[in-house]
Amino acid sequence: MVKKFLYKFMPLVTYFDHITNSSSSKPFNLTPFANMPLYVPKSINLSLNEEQLKAVFRKHDVNGDGCLSKDELMKVFRELGSRNPSWRVSRSLHHADGNGDGTISLDELDELVKYVAKQGYGIN
């Protein structure tokens, strides 16, 4: 009767652990669950400093021309977890594209990184 009760209301691992360690002073051994986290988030947001953000932007310059096009910026903002990357690209071009050519050059990259850091982007 007691075994049926324990089997029904206790996790299986704890039940077998209790049966095998019957000389234990505790009635139930809950050590398998001691290190179990209470909450596990789906993703962890990590904030990046300006140098790390610059490295992320430079990594996405796939054609190596020293400028980030709209498509390359779109990929960066997707990686950074933007909910609407096309809108973020247009806003970042508005803030950082000083000469108005529609791309971000290496000279304008510092201004872009300041804007992105101000918005709180990091790696998801």
PDB file of N, CA and C in Angstrom:
ATOM      1  N   MET A   1       0.822  -1.189   0.000  1.00  0.00           N
ATOM      2  CA  MET A   1       0.000   0.000   0.000  1.00  0.00           C
ATOM      3  C   MET A   1       0.870   1.258   0.000  1.00  0.00           C
ATOM      4  N   VAL A   2       1.898   1.291   0.834  1.00  0.00           N
ATOM      5  CA  VAL A   2       2.775   2.458   0.920  1.00  0.00           C
ATOM      6  C   VAL A   2       3.537   2.633  -0.385  1.00  0.00           C
ATOM      7  N   LYS A   3       3.990   1.523  -0.996  1.00  0.00           N
ATOM      8  CA  LYS A   3       4.720   1.624  -2.254  1.00  0.00           C
ATOM      9  C   LYS A   3       3.837   2.209  -3.355  1.00  0.00           C
ATOM     10  N   LYS A   4       2.576   1.806  -3.411  1.00  0.00           N
ATOM     11  CA  LYS A   4       1.664   2.360  -4.407  1.00  0.00           C
ATOM     12  C   LYS A   4       1.489   3.859  -4.188  1.00  0.00           C
ATOM     13  N   PHE A   5       1.341   4.283  -2.936  1.00  0.00           N
ATOM     14  CA  PHE A   5       1.187   5.708  -2.621  1.00  0.00           C
ATOM     15  C   PHE A   5       2.422   6.484  -3.057  1.00  0.00           C
ATOM     16  N   LEU A   6       3.594   5.960  -2.716  1.00  0.00           N
ATOM     17  CA  LEU A   6       4.832   6.648  -3.090  1.00  0.00           C
ATOM     18  C   LEU A   6       4.996   6.702  -4.602  1.00  0.00           C
ATOM     19  N   TYR A   7       4.697   5.623  -5.262  1.00  0.00           N
ATOM     20  CA  TYR A   7       4.847   5.577  -6.708  1.00  0.00           C
ATOM     21  C   TYR A   7       3.895   6.566  -7.386  1.00  0.00           C
ATOM     22  N   LYS A   8       2.712   6.725  -6.839  1.00  0.00           N
ATOM     23  CA  LYS A   8       1.718   7.581  -7.459  1.00  0.00           C
ATOM     24  C   LYS A   8       2.004   9.063  -7.230  1.00  0.00           C
ATOM     25  N   PHE A   9       2.523   9.429  -6.077  1.00  0.00           N
ATOM     26  CA  PHE A   9       2.653  10.839  -5.736  1.00  0.00           C
ATOM     27  C   PHE A   9       4.079  11.366  -5.708  1.00  0.00           C
ATOM     28  N   MET A  10       5.056  10.563  -5.941  1.00  0.00           N
ATOM     29  CA  MET A  10       6.444  11.013  -5.962  1.00  0.00           C
ATOM     30  C   MET A  10       7.009  10.832  -7.351  1.00  0.00           C
ATOM     31  N   PRO A  11       7.954  11.677  -7.753  1.00  0.00           N
ATOM     32  CA  PRO A  11       8.624  11.434  -9.028  1.00  0.00           C
ATOM     33  C   PRO A  11       9.315  10.087  -9.020  1.00  0.00           C
ATOM     34  N   LEU A  12       9.376   9.458 -10.161  1.00  0.00           N
ATOM     35  CA  LEU A  12       9.884   8.100 -10.279  1.00  0.00           C
ATOM     36  C   LEU A  12      11.328   7.980  -9.813  1.00  0.00           C
ATOM     37  N   VAL A  13      12.164   8.954 -10.155  1.00  0.00           N
ATOM     38  CA  VAL A  13      13.570   8.902  -9.748  1.00  0.00           C
ATOM     39  C   VAL A  13      13.686   8.924  -8.233  1.00  0.00           C
ATOM     40  N   THR A  14      12.926   9.792  -7.595  1.00  0.00           N
ATOM     41  CA  THR A  14      12.965   9.884  -6.137  1.00  0.00           C
ATOM     42  C   THR A  14      12.441   8.599  -5.499  1.00  0.00           C
ATOM     43  N   TYR A  15      11.434   7.989  -6.087  1.00  0.00           N
ATOM     44  CA  TYR A  15      10.891   6.751  -5.553  1.00  0.00           C
ATOM     45  C   TYR A  15      11.939   5.654  -5.562  1.00  0.00           C
ATOM     46  N   PHE A  16      12.623   5.460  -6.710  1.00  0.00           N
ATOM     47  CA  PHE A  16      13.629   4.420  -6.775  1.00  0.00           C
ATOM     48  C   PHE A  16      14.836   4.745  -5.916  1.00  0.00           C
ATOM     49  N   ASP A  17      15.165   6.012  -5.799  1.00  0.00           N
ATOM     50  CA  ASP A  17      16.269   6.411  -4.930  1.00  0.00           C
ATOM     51  C   ASP A  17      15.920   6.117  -3.470  1.00  0.00           C
ATOM     52  N   HIS A  18      14.685   6.360  -3.081  1.00  0.00           N
ATOM     53  CA  HIS A  18      14.241   6.062  -1.715  1.00  0.00           C
ATOM     54  C   HIS A  18      14.277   4.558  -1.441  1.00  0.00           C
ATOM     55  N   ILE A  19      13.878   3.756  -2.407  1.00  0.00           N
ATOM     56  CA  ILE A  19      13.873   2.310  -2.233  1.00  0.00           C
ATOM     57  C   ILE A  19      15.299   1.780  -2.100  1.00  0.00           C
ATOM     58  N   THR A  20      16.214   2.275  -2.934  1.00  0.00           N
ATOM     59  CA  THR A  20      17.581   1.760  -2.899  1.00  0.00           C
ATOM     60  C   THR A  20      18.357   2.271  -1.701  1.00  0.00           C
ATOM     61  N   ASN A  21      18.007   3.453  -1.181  1.00  0.00           N
ATOM     62  CA  ASN A  21      18.697   4.015  -0.008  1.00  0.00           C
ATOM     63  C   ASN A  21      17.775   3.984   1.200  1.00  0.00           C
ATOM     64  N   SER A  22      17.248   2.856   1.523  1.00  0.00           N
ATOM     65  CA  SER A  22      16.281   2.756   2.619  1.00  0.00           C
ATOM     66  C   SER A  22      16.921   2.966   3.976  1.00  0.00           C
ATOM     67  N   SER A  23      18.261   2.914   4.068  1.00  0.00           N
ATOM     68  CA  SER A  23      18.917   3.143   5.353  1.00  0.00           C
ATOM     69  C   SER A  23      19.100   4.635   5.624  1.00  0.00           C
ATOM     70  N   SER A  24      18.679   5.488   4.720  1.00  0.00           N
ATOM     71  CA  SER A  24      18.808   6.929   4.880  1.00  0.00           C
ATOM     72  C   SER A  24      17.967   7.409   6.047  1.00  0.00           C
ATOM     73  N   SER A  25      18.449   8.455   6.745  1.00  0.00           N
ATOM     74  CA  SER A  25      17.700   8.988   7.883  1.00  0.00           C
ATOM     75  C   SER A  25      16.523   9.840   7.411  1.00  0.00           C
ATOM     76  N   LYS A  26      16.597  10.372   6.178  1.00  0.00           N
ATOM     77  CA  LYS A  26      15.493  11.156   5.643  1.00  0.00           C
ATOM     78  C   LYS A  26      14.466  10.205   5.043  1.00  0.00           C
ATOM     79  N   PRO A  27      13.176  10.536   5.189  1.00  0.00           N
ATOM     80  CA  PRO A  27      12.175   9.651   4.592  1.00  0.00           C
ATOM     81  C   PRO A  27      12.216   9.667   3.063  1.00  0.00           C
ATOM     82  N   PHE A  28      12.558  10.817   2.469  1.00  0.00           N
ATOM     83  CA  PHE A  28      12.617  10.923   1.008  1.00  0.00           C
ATOM     84  C   PHE A  28      13.906  11.623   0.628  1.00  0.00           C
ATOM     85  N   ASN A  29      14.610  11.075  -0.310  1.00  0.00           N
ATOM     86  CA  ASN A  29      15.862  11.653  -0.767  1.00  0.00           C
ATOM     87  C   ASN A  29      15.570  12.482  -2.022  1.00  0.00           C
ATOM     88  N   LEU A  30      15.676  13.798  -1.917  1.00  0.00           N
ATOM     89  CA  LEU A  30      15.369  14.684  -3.034  1.00  0.00           C
ATOM     90  C   LEU A  30      16.637  15.229  -3.693  1.00  0.00           C
ATOM     91  N   THR A  31      17.761  14.577  -3.480  1.00  0.00           N
ATOM     92  CA  THR A  31      19.014  15.071  -4.056  1.00  0.00           C
ATOM     93  C   THR A  31      19.019  15.131  -5.579  1.00  0.00           C
ATOM     94  N   PRO A  32      18.316  14.280  -6.332  1.00  0.00           N
ATOM     95  CA  PRO A  32      18.349  14.439  -7.787  1.00  0.00           C
ATOM     96  C   PRO A  32      17.763  15.776  -8.253  1.00  0.00           C
ATOM     97  N   PHE A  33      16.950  16.421  -7.422  1.00  0.00           N
ATOM     98  CA  PHE A  33      16.292  17.658  -7.812  1.00  0.00           C
ATOM     99  C   PHE A  33      16.906  18.884  -7.142  1.00  0.00           C
ATOM    100  N   ALA A  34      17.984  18.711  -6.389  1.00  0.00           N
ATOM    101  CA  ALA A  34      18.573  19.823  -5.654  1.00  0.00           C
ATOM    102  C   ALA A  34      19.161  20.885  -6.573  1.00  0.00           C
ATOM    103  N   ASN A  35      19.737  20.486  -7.688  1.00  0.00           N
ATOM    104  CA  ASN A  35      20.369  21.446  -8.593  1.00  0.00           C
ATOM    105  C   ASN A  35      19.465  21.873  -9.741  1.00  0.00           C
ATOM    106  N   MET A  36      18.215  21.529  -9.681  1.00  0.00           N
ATOM    107  CA  MET A  36      17.286  21.876 -10.741  1.00  0.00           C
ATOM    108  C   MET A  36      16.942  23.364 -10.661  1.00  0.00           C
ATOM    109  N   PRO A  37      17.098  24.132 -11.759  1.00  0.00           N
ATOM    110  CA  PRO A  37      16.778  25.566 -11.701  1.00  0.00           C
ATOM    111  C   PRO A  37      15.276  25.778 -11.571  1.00  0.00           C
ATOM    112  N   LEU A  38      14.918  26.863 -10.908  1.00  0.00           N
ATOM    113  CA  LEU A  38      13.504  27.151 -10.730  1.00  0.00           C
ATOM    114  C   LEU A  38      12.885  27.702 -12.009  1.00  0.00           C
ATOM    115  N   TYR A  39      13.657  28.483 -12.781  1.00  0.00           N
ATOM    116  CA  TYR A  39      13.145  29.097 -13.997  1.00  0.00           C
ATOM    117  C   TYR A  39      14.237  29.074 -15.047  1.00  0.00           C
ATOM    118  N   VAL A  40      13.908  28.642 -16.234  1.00  0.00           N
ATOM    119  CA  VAL A  40      14.865  28.626 -17.334  1.00  0.00           C
ATOM    120  C   VAL A  40      14.277  29.470 -18.457  1.00  0.00           C
ATOM    121  N   PRO A  41      14.883  30.636 -18.760  1.00  0.00           N
ATOM    122  CA  PRO A  41      14.344  31.463 -19.834  1.00  0.00           C
ATOM    123  C   PRO A  41      14.591  30.835 -21.200  1.00  0.00           C
ATOM    124  N   LYS A  42      13.754  31.219 -22.197  1.00  0.00           N
ATOM    125  CA  LYS A  42      13.920  30.696 -23.549  1.00  0.00           C
ATOM    126  C   LYS A  42      15.210  31.212 -24.171  1.00  0.00           C
ATOM    127  N   SER A  43      15.527  32.456 -23.930  1.00  0.00           N
ATOM    128  CA  SER A  43      16.759  33.022 -24.464  1.00  0.00           C
ATOM    129  C   SER A  43      17.349  33.971 -23.438  1.00  0.00           C
ATOM    130  N   ILE A  44      18.623  34.183 -23.561  1.00  0.00           N
ATOM    131  CA  ILE A  44      19.329  35.063 -22.641  1.00  0.00           C
ATOM    132  C   ILE A  44      19.843  36.245 -23.442  1.00  0.00           C
ATOM    133  N   ASN A  45      19.521  37.442 -23.012  1.00  0.00           N
ATOM    134  CA  ASN A  45      19.999  38.639 -23.681  1.00  0.00           C
ATOM    135  C   ASN A  45      21.329  39.048 -23.079  1.00  0.00           C
ATOM    136  N   LEU A  46      22.306  39.193 -23.920  1.00  0.00           N
ATOM    137  CA  LEU A  46      23.616  39.649 -23.489  1.00  0.00           C
ATOM    138  C   LEU A  46      23.874  41.014 -24.087  1.00  0.00           C
ATOM    139  N   SER A  47      24.174  41.999 -23.249  1.00  0.00           N
ATOM    140  CA  SER A  47      24.489  43.303 -23.796  1.00  0.00           C
ATOM    141  C   SER A  47      25.947  43.306 -24.251  1.00  0.00           C
ATOM    142  N   LEU A  48      26.204  44.008 -25.336  1.00  0.00           N
ATOM    143  CA  LEU A  48      27.538  44.049 -25.915  1.00  0.00           C
ATOM    144  C   LEU A  48      28.109  45.445 -25.770  1.00  0.00           C
ATOM    145  N   ASN A  49      29.425  45.532 -25.601  1.00  0.00           N
ATOM    146  CA  ASN A  49      30.038  46.850 -25.581  1.00  0.00           C
ATOM    147  C   ASN A  49      30.252  47.322 -27.011  1.00  0.00           C
ATOM    148  N   GLU A  50      30.755  48.542 -27.169  1.00  0.00           N
ATOM    149  CA  GLU A  50      30.861  49.122 -28.511  1.00  0.00           C
ATOM    150  C   GLU A  50      31.844  48.374 -29.404  1.00  0.00           C
ATOM    151  N   GLU A  51      32.925  47.885 -28.850  1.00  0.00           N
ATOM    152  CA  GLU A  51      33.895  47.139 -29.665  1.00  0.00           C
ATOM    153  C   GLU A  51      33.302  45.828 -30.173  1.00  0.00           C
ATOM    154  N   GLN A  52      32.532  45.164 -29.337  1.00  0.00           N
ATOM    155  CA  GLN A  52      31.895  43.911 -29.756  1.00  0.00           C
ATOM    156  C   GLN A  52      30.836  44.170 -30.822  1.00  0.00           C
ATOM    157  N   LEU A  53      30.087  45.276 -30.688  1.00  0.00           N
ATOM    158  CA  LEU A  53      29.104  45.624 -31.711  1.00  0.00           C
ATOM    159  C   LEU A  53      29.786  45.945 -33.035  1.00  0.00           C
ATOM    160  N   LYS A  54      30.921  46.650 -32.981  1.00  0.00           N
ATOM    161  CA  LYS A  54      31.662  46.942 -34.210  1.00  0.00           C
ATOM    162  C   LYS A  54      32.091  45.651 -34.899  1.00  0.00           C
ATOM    163  N   ALA A  55      32.522  44.685 -34.124  1.00  0.00           N
ATOM    164  CA  ALA A  55      32.945  43.405 -34.690  1.00  0.00           C
ATOM    165  C   ALA A  55      31.772  42.693 -35.359  1.00  0.00           C
ATOM    166  N   VAL A  56      30.588  42.778 -34.760  1.00  0.00           N
ATOM    167  CA  VAL A  56      29.403  42.158 -35.357  1.00  0.00           C
ATOM    168  C   VAL A  56      29.081  42.830 -36.688  1.00  0.00           C
ATOM    169  N   PHE A  57      29.152  44.152 -36.733  1.00  0.00           N
ATOM    170  CA  PHE A  57      28.863  44.870 -37.981  1.00  0.00           C
ATOM    171  C   PHE A  57      29.917  44.565 -39.045  1.00  0.00           C
ATOM    172  N   ARG A  58      31.189  44.545 -38.663  1.00  0.00           N
ATOM    173  CA  ARG A  58      32.253  44.253 -39.632  1.00  0.00           C
ATOM    174  C   ARG A  58      32.133  42.840 -40.193  1.00  0.00           C
ATOM    175  N   LYS A  59      31.688  41.910 -39.346  1.00  0.00           N
ATOM    176  CA  LYS A  59      31.524  40.517 -39.788  1.00  0.00           C
ATOM    177  C   LYS A  59      30.501  40.403 -40.914  1.00  0.00           C
ATOM    178  N   HIS A  60      29.518  41.286 -40.928  1.00  0.00           N
ATOM    179  CA  HIS A  60      28.452  41.209 -41.927  1.00  0.00           C
ATOM    180  C   HIS A  60      28.763  41.976 -43.212  1.00  0.00           C
ATOM    181  N   ASP A  61      29.951  42.549 -43.322  1.00  0.00           N
ATOM    182  CA  ASP A  61      30.371  43.174 -44.581  1.00  0.00           C
ATOM    183  C   ASP A  61      30.897  42.064 -45.480  1.00  0.00           C
ATOM    184  N   VAL A  62      29.981  41.340 -46.126  1.00  0.00           N
ATOM    185  CA  VAL A  62      30.349  40.125 -46.860  1.00  0.00           C
ATOM    186  C   VAL A  62      31.108  40.398 -48.147  1.00  0.00           C
ATOM    187  N   ASN A  63      30.831  41.518 -48.822  1.00  0.00           N
ATOM    188  CA  ASN A  63      31.539  41.791 -50.071  1.00  0.00           C
ATOM    189  C   ASN A  63      32.872  42.500 -49.846  1.00  0.00           C
ATOM    190  N   GLY A  64      33.161  42.915 -48.627  1.00  0.00           N
ATOM    191  CA  GLY A  64      34.461  43.473 -48.280  1.00  0.00           C
ATOM    192  C   GLY A  64      34.743  44.857 -48.831  1.00  0.00           C
ATOM    193  N   ASP A  65      33.698  45.617 -49.179  1.00  0.00           N
ATOM    194  CA  ASP A  65      33.916  46.955 -49.730  1.00  0.00           C
ATOM    195  C   ASP A  65      34.082  48.034 -48.663  1.00  0.00           C
ATOM    196  N   GLY A  66      33.946  47.670 -47.396  1.00  0.00           N
ATOM    197  CA  GLY A  66      34.108  48.640 -46.313  1.00  0.00           C
ATOM    198  C   GLY A  66      32.840  49.420 -46.021  1.00  0.00           C
ATOM    199  N   CYS A  67      31.754  49.080 -46.682  1.00  0.00           N
ATOM    200  CA  CYS A  67      30.463  49.737 -46.450  1.00  0.00           C
ATOM    201  C   CYS A  67      29.409  48.679 -46.163  1.00  0.00           C
ATOM    202  N   LEU A  68      28.478  49.029 -45.312  1.00  0.00           N
ATOM    203  CA  LEU A  68      27.372  48.126 -44.996  1.00  0.00           C
ATOM    204  C   LEU A  68      26.145  48.576 -45.776  1.00  0.00           C
ATOM    205  N   SER A  69      25.653  47.711 -46.662  1.00  0.00           N
ATOM    206  CA  SER A  69      24.451  48.009 -47.439  1.00  0.00           C
ATOM    207  C   SER A  69      23.210  47.754 -46.580  1.00  0.00           C
ATOM    208  N   LYS A  70      22.061  48.081 -47.146  1.00  0.00           N
ATOM    209  CA  LYS A  70      20.801  47.843 -46.417  1.00  0.00           C
ATOM    210  C   LYS A  70      20.592  46.362 -46.138  1.00  0.00           C
ATOM    211  N   ASP A  71      20.917  45.509 -47.104  1.00  0.00           N
ATOM    212  CA  ASP A  71      20.753  44.060 -46.897  1.00  0.00           C
ATOM    213  C   ASP A  71      21.676  43.548 -45.799  1.00  0.00           C
ATOM    214  N   GLU A  72      22.910  44.038 -45.781  1.00  0.00           N
ATOM    215  CA  GLU A  72      23.855  43.621 -44.741  1.00  0.00           C
ATOM    216  C   GLU A  72      23.408  44.131 -43.377  1.00  0.00           C
ATOM    217  N   LEU A  73      22.889  45.357 -43.326  1.00  0.00           N
ATOM    218  CA  LEU A  73      22.365  45.881 -42.063  1.00  0.00           C
ATOM    219  C   LEU A  73      21.158  45.082 -41.593  1.00  0.00           C
ATOM    220  N   MET A  74      20.336  44.655 -42.537  1.00  0.00           N
ATOM    221  CA  MET A  74      19.166  43.844 -42.197  1.00  0.00           C
ATOM    222  C   MET A  74      19.588  42.547 -41.513  1.00  0.00           C
ATOM    223  N   LYS A  75      20.627  41.913 -42.029  1.00  0.00           N
ATOM    224  CA  LYS A  75      21.117  40.668 -41.420  1.00  0.00           C
ATOM    225  C   LYS A  75      21.673  40.916 -40.023  1.00  0.00           C
ATOM    226  N   VAL A  76      22.347  42.047 -39.837  1.00  0.00           N
ATOM    227  CA  VAL A  76      22.884  42.379 -38.509  1.00  0.00           C
ATOM    228  C   VAL A  76      21.753  42.548 -37.514  1.00  0.00           C
ATOM    229  N   PHE A  77      20.732  43.308 -37.883  1.00  0.00           N
ATOM    230  CA  PHE A  77      19.637  43.556 -36.944  1.00  0.00           C
ATOM    231  C   PHE A  77      18.813  42.299 -36.682  1.00  0.00           C
ATOM    232  N   ARG A  78      18.745  41.395 -37.633  1.00  0.00           N
ATOM    233  CA  ARG A  78      18.098  40.100 -37.361  1.00  0.00           C
ATOM    234  C   ARG A  78      18.902  39.319 -36.336  1.00  0.00           C
ATOM    235  N   GLU A  79      20.234  39.332 -36.489  1.00  0.00           N
ATOM    236  CA  GLU A  79      21.083  38.626 -35.525  1.00  0.00           C
ATOM    237  C   GLU A  79      20.993  39.253 -34.144  1.00  0.00           C
ATOM    238  N   LEU A  80      20.827  40.561 -34.090  1.00  0.00           N
ATOM    239  CA  LEU A  80      20.733  41.245 -32.803  1.00  0.00           C
ATOM    240  C   LEU A  80      19.349  41.125 -32.171  1.00  0.00           C
ATOM    241  N   GLY A  81      18.404  40.514 -32.892  1.00  0.00           N
ATOM    242  CA  GLY A  81      17.094  40.234 -32.303  1.00  0.00           C
ATOM    243  C   GLY A  81      16.065  41.321 -32.498  1.00  0.00           C
ATOM    244  N   SER A  82      16.210  42.141 -33.507  1.00  0.00           N
ATOM    245  CA  SER A  82      15.233  43.195 -33.768  1.00  0.00           C
ATOM    246  C   SER A  82      13.906  42.589 -34.184  1.00  0.00           C
ATOM    247  N   ARG A  83      12.815  43.137 -33.651  1.00  0.00           N
ATOM    248  CA  ARG A  83      11.489  42.643 -34.016  1.00  0.00           C
ATOM    249  C   ARG A  83      11.077  43.117 -35.406  1.00  0.00           C
ATOM    250  N   ASN A  84      11.573  44.286 -35.807  1.00  0.00           N
ATOM    251  CA  ASN A  84      11.271  44.829 -37.130  1.00  0.00           C
ATOM    252  C   ASN A  84      12.572  45.353 -37.736  1.00  0.00           C
ATOM    253  N   PRO A  85      13.379  44.472 -38.315  1.00  0.00           N
ATOM    254  CA  PRO A  85      14.709  44.886 -38.777  1.00  0.00           C
ATOM    255  C   PRO A  85      14.684  45.912 -39.910  1.00  0.00           C
ATOM    256  N   SER A  86      13.682  45.884 -40.786  1.00  0.00           N
ATOM    257  CA  SER A  86      13.660  46.858 -41.882  1.00  0.00           C
ATOM    258  C   SER A  86      13.441  48.269 -41.350  1.00  0.00           C
ATOM    259  N   TRP A  87      12.598  48.419 -40.342  1.00  0.00           N
ATOM    260  CA  TRP A  87      12.393  49.727 -39.733  1.00  0.00           C
ATOM    261  C   TRP A  87      13.659  50.177 -39.010  1.00  0.00           C
ATOM    262  N   ARG A  88      14.316  49.249 -38.334  1.00  0.00           N
ATOM    263  CA  ARG A  88      15.549  49.590 -37.611  1.00  0.00           C
ATOM    264  C   ARG A  88      16.652  49.993 -38.590  1.00  0.00           C
ATOM    265  N   VAL A  89      16.706  49.377 -39.768  1.00  0.00           N
ATOM    266  CA  VAL A  89      17.694  49.751 -40.784  1.00  0.00           C
ATOM    267  C   VAL A  89      17.450  51.185 -41.236  1.00  0.00           C
ATOM    268  N   SER A  90      16.197  51.525 -41.508  1.00  0.00           N
ATOM    269  CA  SER A  90      15.907  52.889 -41.959  1.00  0.00           C
ATOM    270  C   SER A  90      16.229  53.913 -40.873  1.00  0.00           C
ATOM    271  N   ARG A  91      15.945  53.581 -39.625  1.00  0.00           N
ATOM    272  CA  ARG A  91      16.266  54.504 -38.527  1.00  0.00           C
ATOM    273  C   ARG A  91      17.778  54.635 -38.339  1.00  0.00           C
ATOM    274  N   SER A  92      18.487  53.531 -38.468  1.00  0.00           N
ATOM    275  CA  SER A  92      19.944  53.598 -38.287  1.00  0.00           C
ATOM    276  C   SER A  92      20.595  54.370 -39.430  1.00  0.00           C
ATOM    277  N   LEU A  93      20.078  54.226 -40.660  1.00  0.00           N
ATOM    278  CA  LEU A  93      20.603  55.028 -41.770  1.00  0.00           C
ATOM    279  C   LEU A  93      20.307  56.510 -41.547  1.00  0.00           C
ATOM    280  N   HIS A  94      19.137  56.820 -41.013  1.00  0.00           N
ATOM    281  CA  HIS A  94      18.788  58.205 -40.716  1.00  0.00           C
ATOM    282  C   HIS A  94      19.754  58.809 -39.691  1.00  0.00           C
ATOM    283  N   HIS A  95      20.126  58.015 -38.685  1.00  0.00           N
ATOM    284  CA  HIS A  95      21.002  58.519 -37.613  1.00  0.00           C
ATOM    285  C   HIS A  95      22.477  58.524 -37.993  1.00  0.00           C
ATOM    286  N   ALA A  96      22.928  57.539 -38.767  1.00  0.00           N
ATOM    287  CA  ALA A  96      24.374  57.368 -38.941  1.00  0.00           C
ATOM    288  C   ALA A  96      24.903  57.670 -40.344  1.00  0.00           C
ATOM    289  N   ASP A  97      24.053  57.680 -41.355  1.00  0.00           N
ATOM    290  CA  ASP A  97      24.525  57.894 -42.726  1.00  0.00           C
ATOM    291  C   ASP A  97      24.714  59.390 -42.973  1.00  0.00           C
ATOM    292  N   GLY A  98      25.914  59.873 -42.714  1.00  0.00           N
ATOM    293  CA  GLY A  98      26.194  61.303 -42.814  1.00  0.00           C
ATOM    294  C   GLY A  98      26.194  61.831 -44.233  1.00  0.00           C
ATOM    295  N   ASN A  99      26.685  61.071 -45.197  1.00  0.00           N
ATOM    296  CA  ASN A  99      26.766  61.560 -46.571  1.00  0.00           C
ATOM    297  C   ASN A  99      25.529  61.210 -47.406  1.00  0.00           C
ATOM    298  N   GLY A 100      24.601  60.436 -46.872  1.00  0.00           N
ATOM    299  CA  GLY A 100      23.339  60.153 -47.543  1.00  0.00           C
ATOM    300  C   GLY A 100      23.425  59.214 -48.724  1.00  0.00           C
ATOM    301  N   ASP A 101      24.464  58.359 -48.784  1.00  0.00           N
ATOM    302  CA  ASP A 101      24.593  57.446 -49.920  1.00  0.00           C
ATOM    303  C   ASP A 101      23.831  56.131 -49.736  1.00  0.00           C
ATOM    304  N   GLY A 102      23.170  55.944 -48.602  1.00  0.00           N
ATOM    305  CA  GLY A 102      22.381  54.735 -48.374  1.00  0.00           C
ATOM    306  C   GLY A 102      23.170  53.563 -47.828  1.00  0.00           C
ATOM    307  N   THR A 103      24.455  53.781 -47.519  1.00  0.00           N
ATOM    308  CA  THR A 103      25.281  52.743 -46.901  1.00  0.00           C
ATOM    309  C   THR A 103      25.993  53.348 -45.696  1.00  0.00           C
ATOM    310  N   ILE A 104      26.510  52.462 -44.853  1.00  0.00           N
ATOM    311  CA  ILE A 104      27.287  52.894 -43.690  1.00  0.00           C
ATOM    312  C   ILE A 104      28.741  52.558 -43.959  1.00  0.00           C
ATOM    313  N   SER A 105      29.576  53.578 -44.054  1.00  0.00           N
ATOM    314  CA  SER A 105      31.006  53.356 -44.280  1.00  0.00           C
ATOM    315  C   SER A 105      31.700  53.157 -42.938  1.00  0.00           C
ATOM    316  N   LEU A 106      32.980  52.821 -42.985  1.00  0.00           N
ATOM    317  CA  LEU A 106      33.735  52.622 -41.746  1.00  0.00           C
ATOM    318  C   LEU A 106      33.822  53.904 -40.926  1.00  0.00           C
ATOM    319  N   ASP A 107      33.827  55.064 -41.610  1.00  0.00           N
ATOM    320  CA  ASP A 107      33.849  56.337 -40.883  1.00  0.00           C
ATOM    321  C   ASP A 107      32.545  56.568 -40.130  1.00  0.00           C
ATOM    322  N   GLU A 108      31.438  56.091 -40.685  1.00  0.00           N
ATOM    323  CA  GLU A 108      30.126  56.280 -40.069  1.00  0.00           C
ATOM    324  C   GLU A 108      29.772  55.164 -39.089  1.00  0.00           C
ATOM    325  N   LEU A 109      30.610  54.143 -39.011  1.00  0.00           N
ATOM    326  CA  LEU A 109      30.323  52.986 -38.166  1.00  0.00           C
ATOM    327  C   LEU A 109      30.270  53.362 -36.689  1.00  0.00           C
ATOM    328  N   ASP A 110      31.128  54.293 -36.265  1.00  0.00           N
ATOM    329  CA  ASP A 110      31.119  54.711 -34.854  1.00  0.00           C
ATOM    330  C   ASP A 110      29.765  55.301 -34.459  1.00  0.00           C
ATOM    331  N   GLU A 111      29.218  56.124 -35.333  1.00  0.00           N
ATOM    332  CA  GLU A 111      27.914  56.738 -35.050  1.00  0.00           C
ATOM    333  C   GLU A 111      26.805  55.682 -35.016  1.00  0.00           C
ATOM    334  N   LEU A 112      26.889  54.708 -35.921  1.00  0.00           N
ATOM    335  CA  LEU A 112      25.911  53.621 -35.943  1.00  0.00           C
ATOM    336  C   LEU A 112      25.988  52.791 -34.664  1.00  0.00           C
ATOM    337  N   VAL A 113      27.190  52.487 -34.229  1.00  0.00           N
ATOM    338  CA  VAL A 113      27.366  51.677 -33.013  1.00  0.00           C
ATOM    339  C   VAL A 113      26.833  52.425 -31.798  1.00  0.00           C
ATOM    340  N   LYS A 114      27.052  53.716 -31.723  1.00  0.00           N
ATOM    341  CA  LYS A 114      26.508  54.506 -30.603  1.00  0.00           C
ATOM    342  C   LYS A 114      24.978  54.444 -30.605  1.00  0.00           C
ATOM    343  N   TYR A 115      24.385  54.550 -31.789  1.00  0.00           N
ATOM    344  CA  TYR A 115      22.926  54.484 -31.898  1.00  0.00           C
ATOM    345  C   TYR A 115      22.400  53.108 -31.478  1.00  0.00           C
ATOM    346  N   VAL A 116      23.061  52.054 -31.952  1.00  0.00           N
ATOM    347  CA  VAL A 116      22.609  50.685 -31.631  1.00  0.00           C
ATOM    348  C   VAL A 116      22.791  50.396 -30.142  1.00  0.00           C
ATOM    349  N   ALA A 117      23.883  50.850 -29.561  1.00  0.00           N
ATOM    350  CA  ALA A 117      24.107  50.654 -28.129  1.00  0.00           C
ATOM    351  C   ALA A 117      23.071  51.412 -27.314  1.00  0.00           C
ATOM    352  N   LYS A 118      22.701  52.597 -27.764  1.00  0.00           N
ATOM    353  CA  LYS A 118      21.685  53.391 -27.077  1.00  0.00           C
ATOM    354  C   LYS A 118      20.329  52.693 -27.100  1.00  0.00           C
ATOM    355  N   GLN A 119      20.059  51.948 -28.164  1.00  0.00           N
ATOM    356  CA  GLN A 119      18.798  51.215 -28.283  1.00  0.00           C
ATOM    357  C   GLN A 119      18.792  49.940 -27.450  1.00  0.00           C
ATOM    358  N   GLY A 120      19.947  49.532 -26.909  1.00  0.00           N
ATOM    359  CA  GLY A 120      20.015  48.382 -26.010  1.00  0.00           C
ATOM    360  C   GLY A 120      20.126  47.035 -26.700  1.00  0.00           C
ATOM    361  N   TYR A 121      20.658  46.995 -27.888  1.00  0.00           N
ATOM    362  CA  TYR A 121      20.772  45.721 -28.597  1.00  0.00           C
ATOM    363  C   TYR A 121      21.932  44.907 -28.083  1.00  0.00           C
ATOM    364  N   GLY A 122      21.759  43.601 -28.137  1.00  0.00           N
ATOM    365  CA  GLY A 122      22.787  42.637 -27.763  1.00  0.00           C
ATOM    366  C   GLY A 122      22.534  41.344 -28.517  1.00  0.00           C
ATOM    367  N   ILE A 123      23.199  40.294 -28.110  1.00  0.00           N
ATOM    368  CA  ILE A 123      23.032  38.991 -28.754  1.00  0.00           C
ATOM    369  C   ILE A 123      21.966  38.205 -28.022  1.00  0.00           C
ATOM    370  N   ASN A 124      21.046  37.594 -28.785  1.00  0.00           N
ATOM    371  CA  ASN A 124      20.007  36.739 -28.190  1.00  0.00           C
ATOM    372  C   ASN A 124      20.410  35.304 -28.245  1.00  0.00           C
TER     373      ASN A 124
END
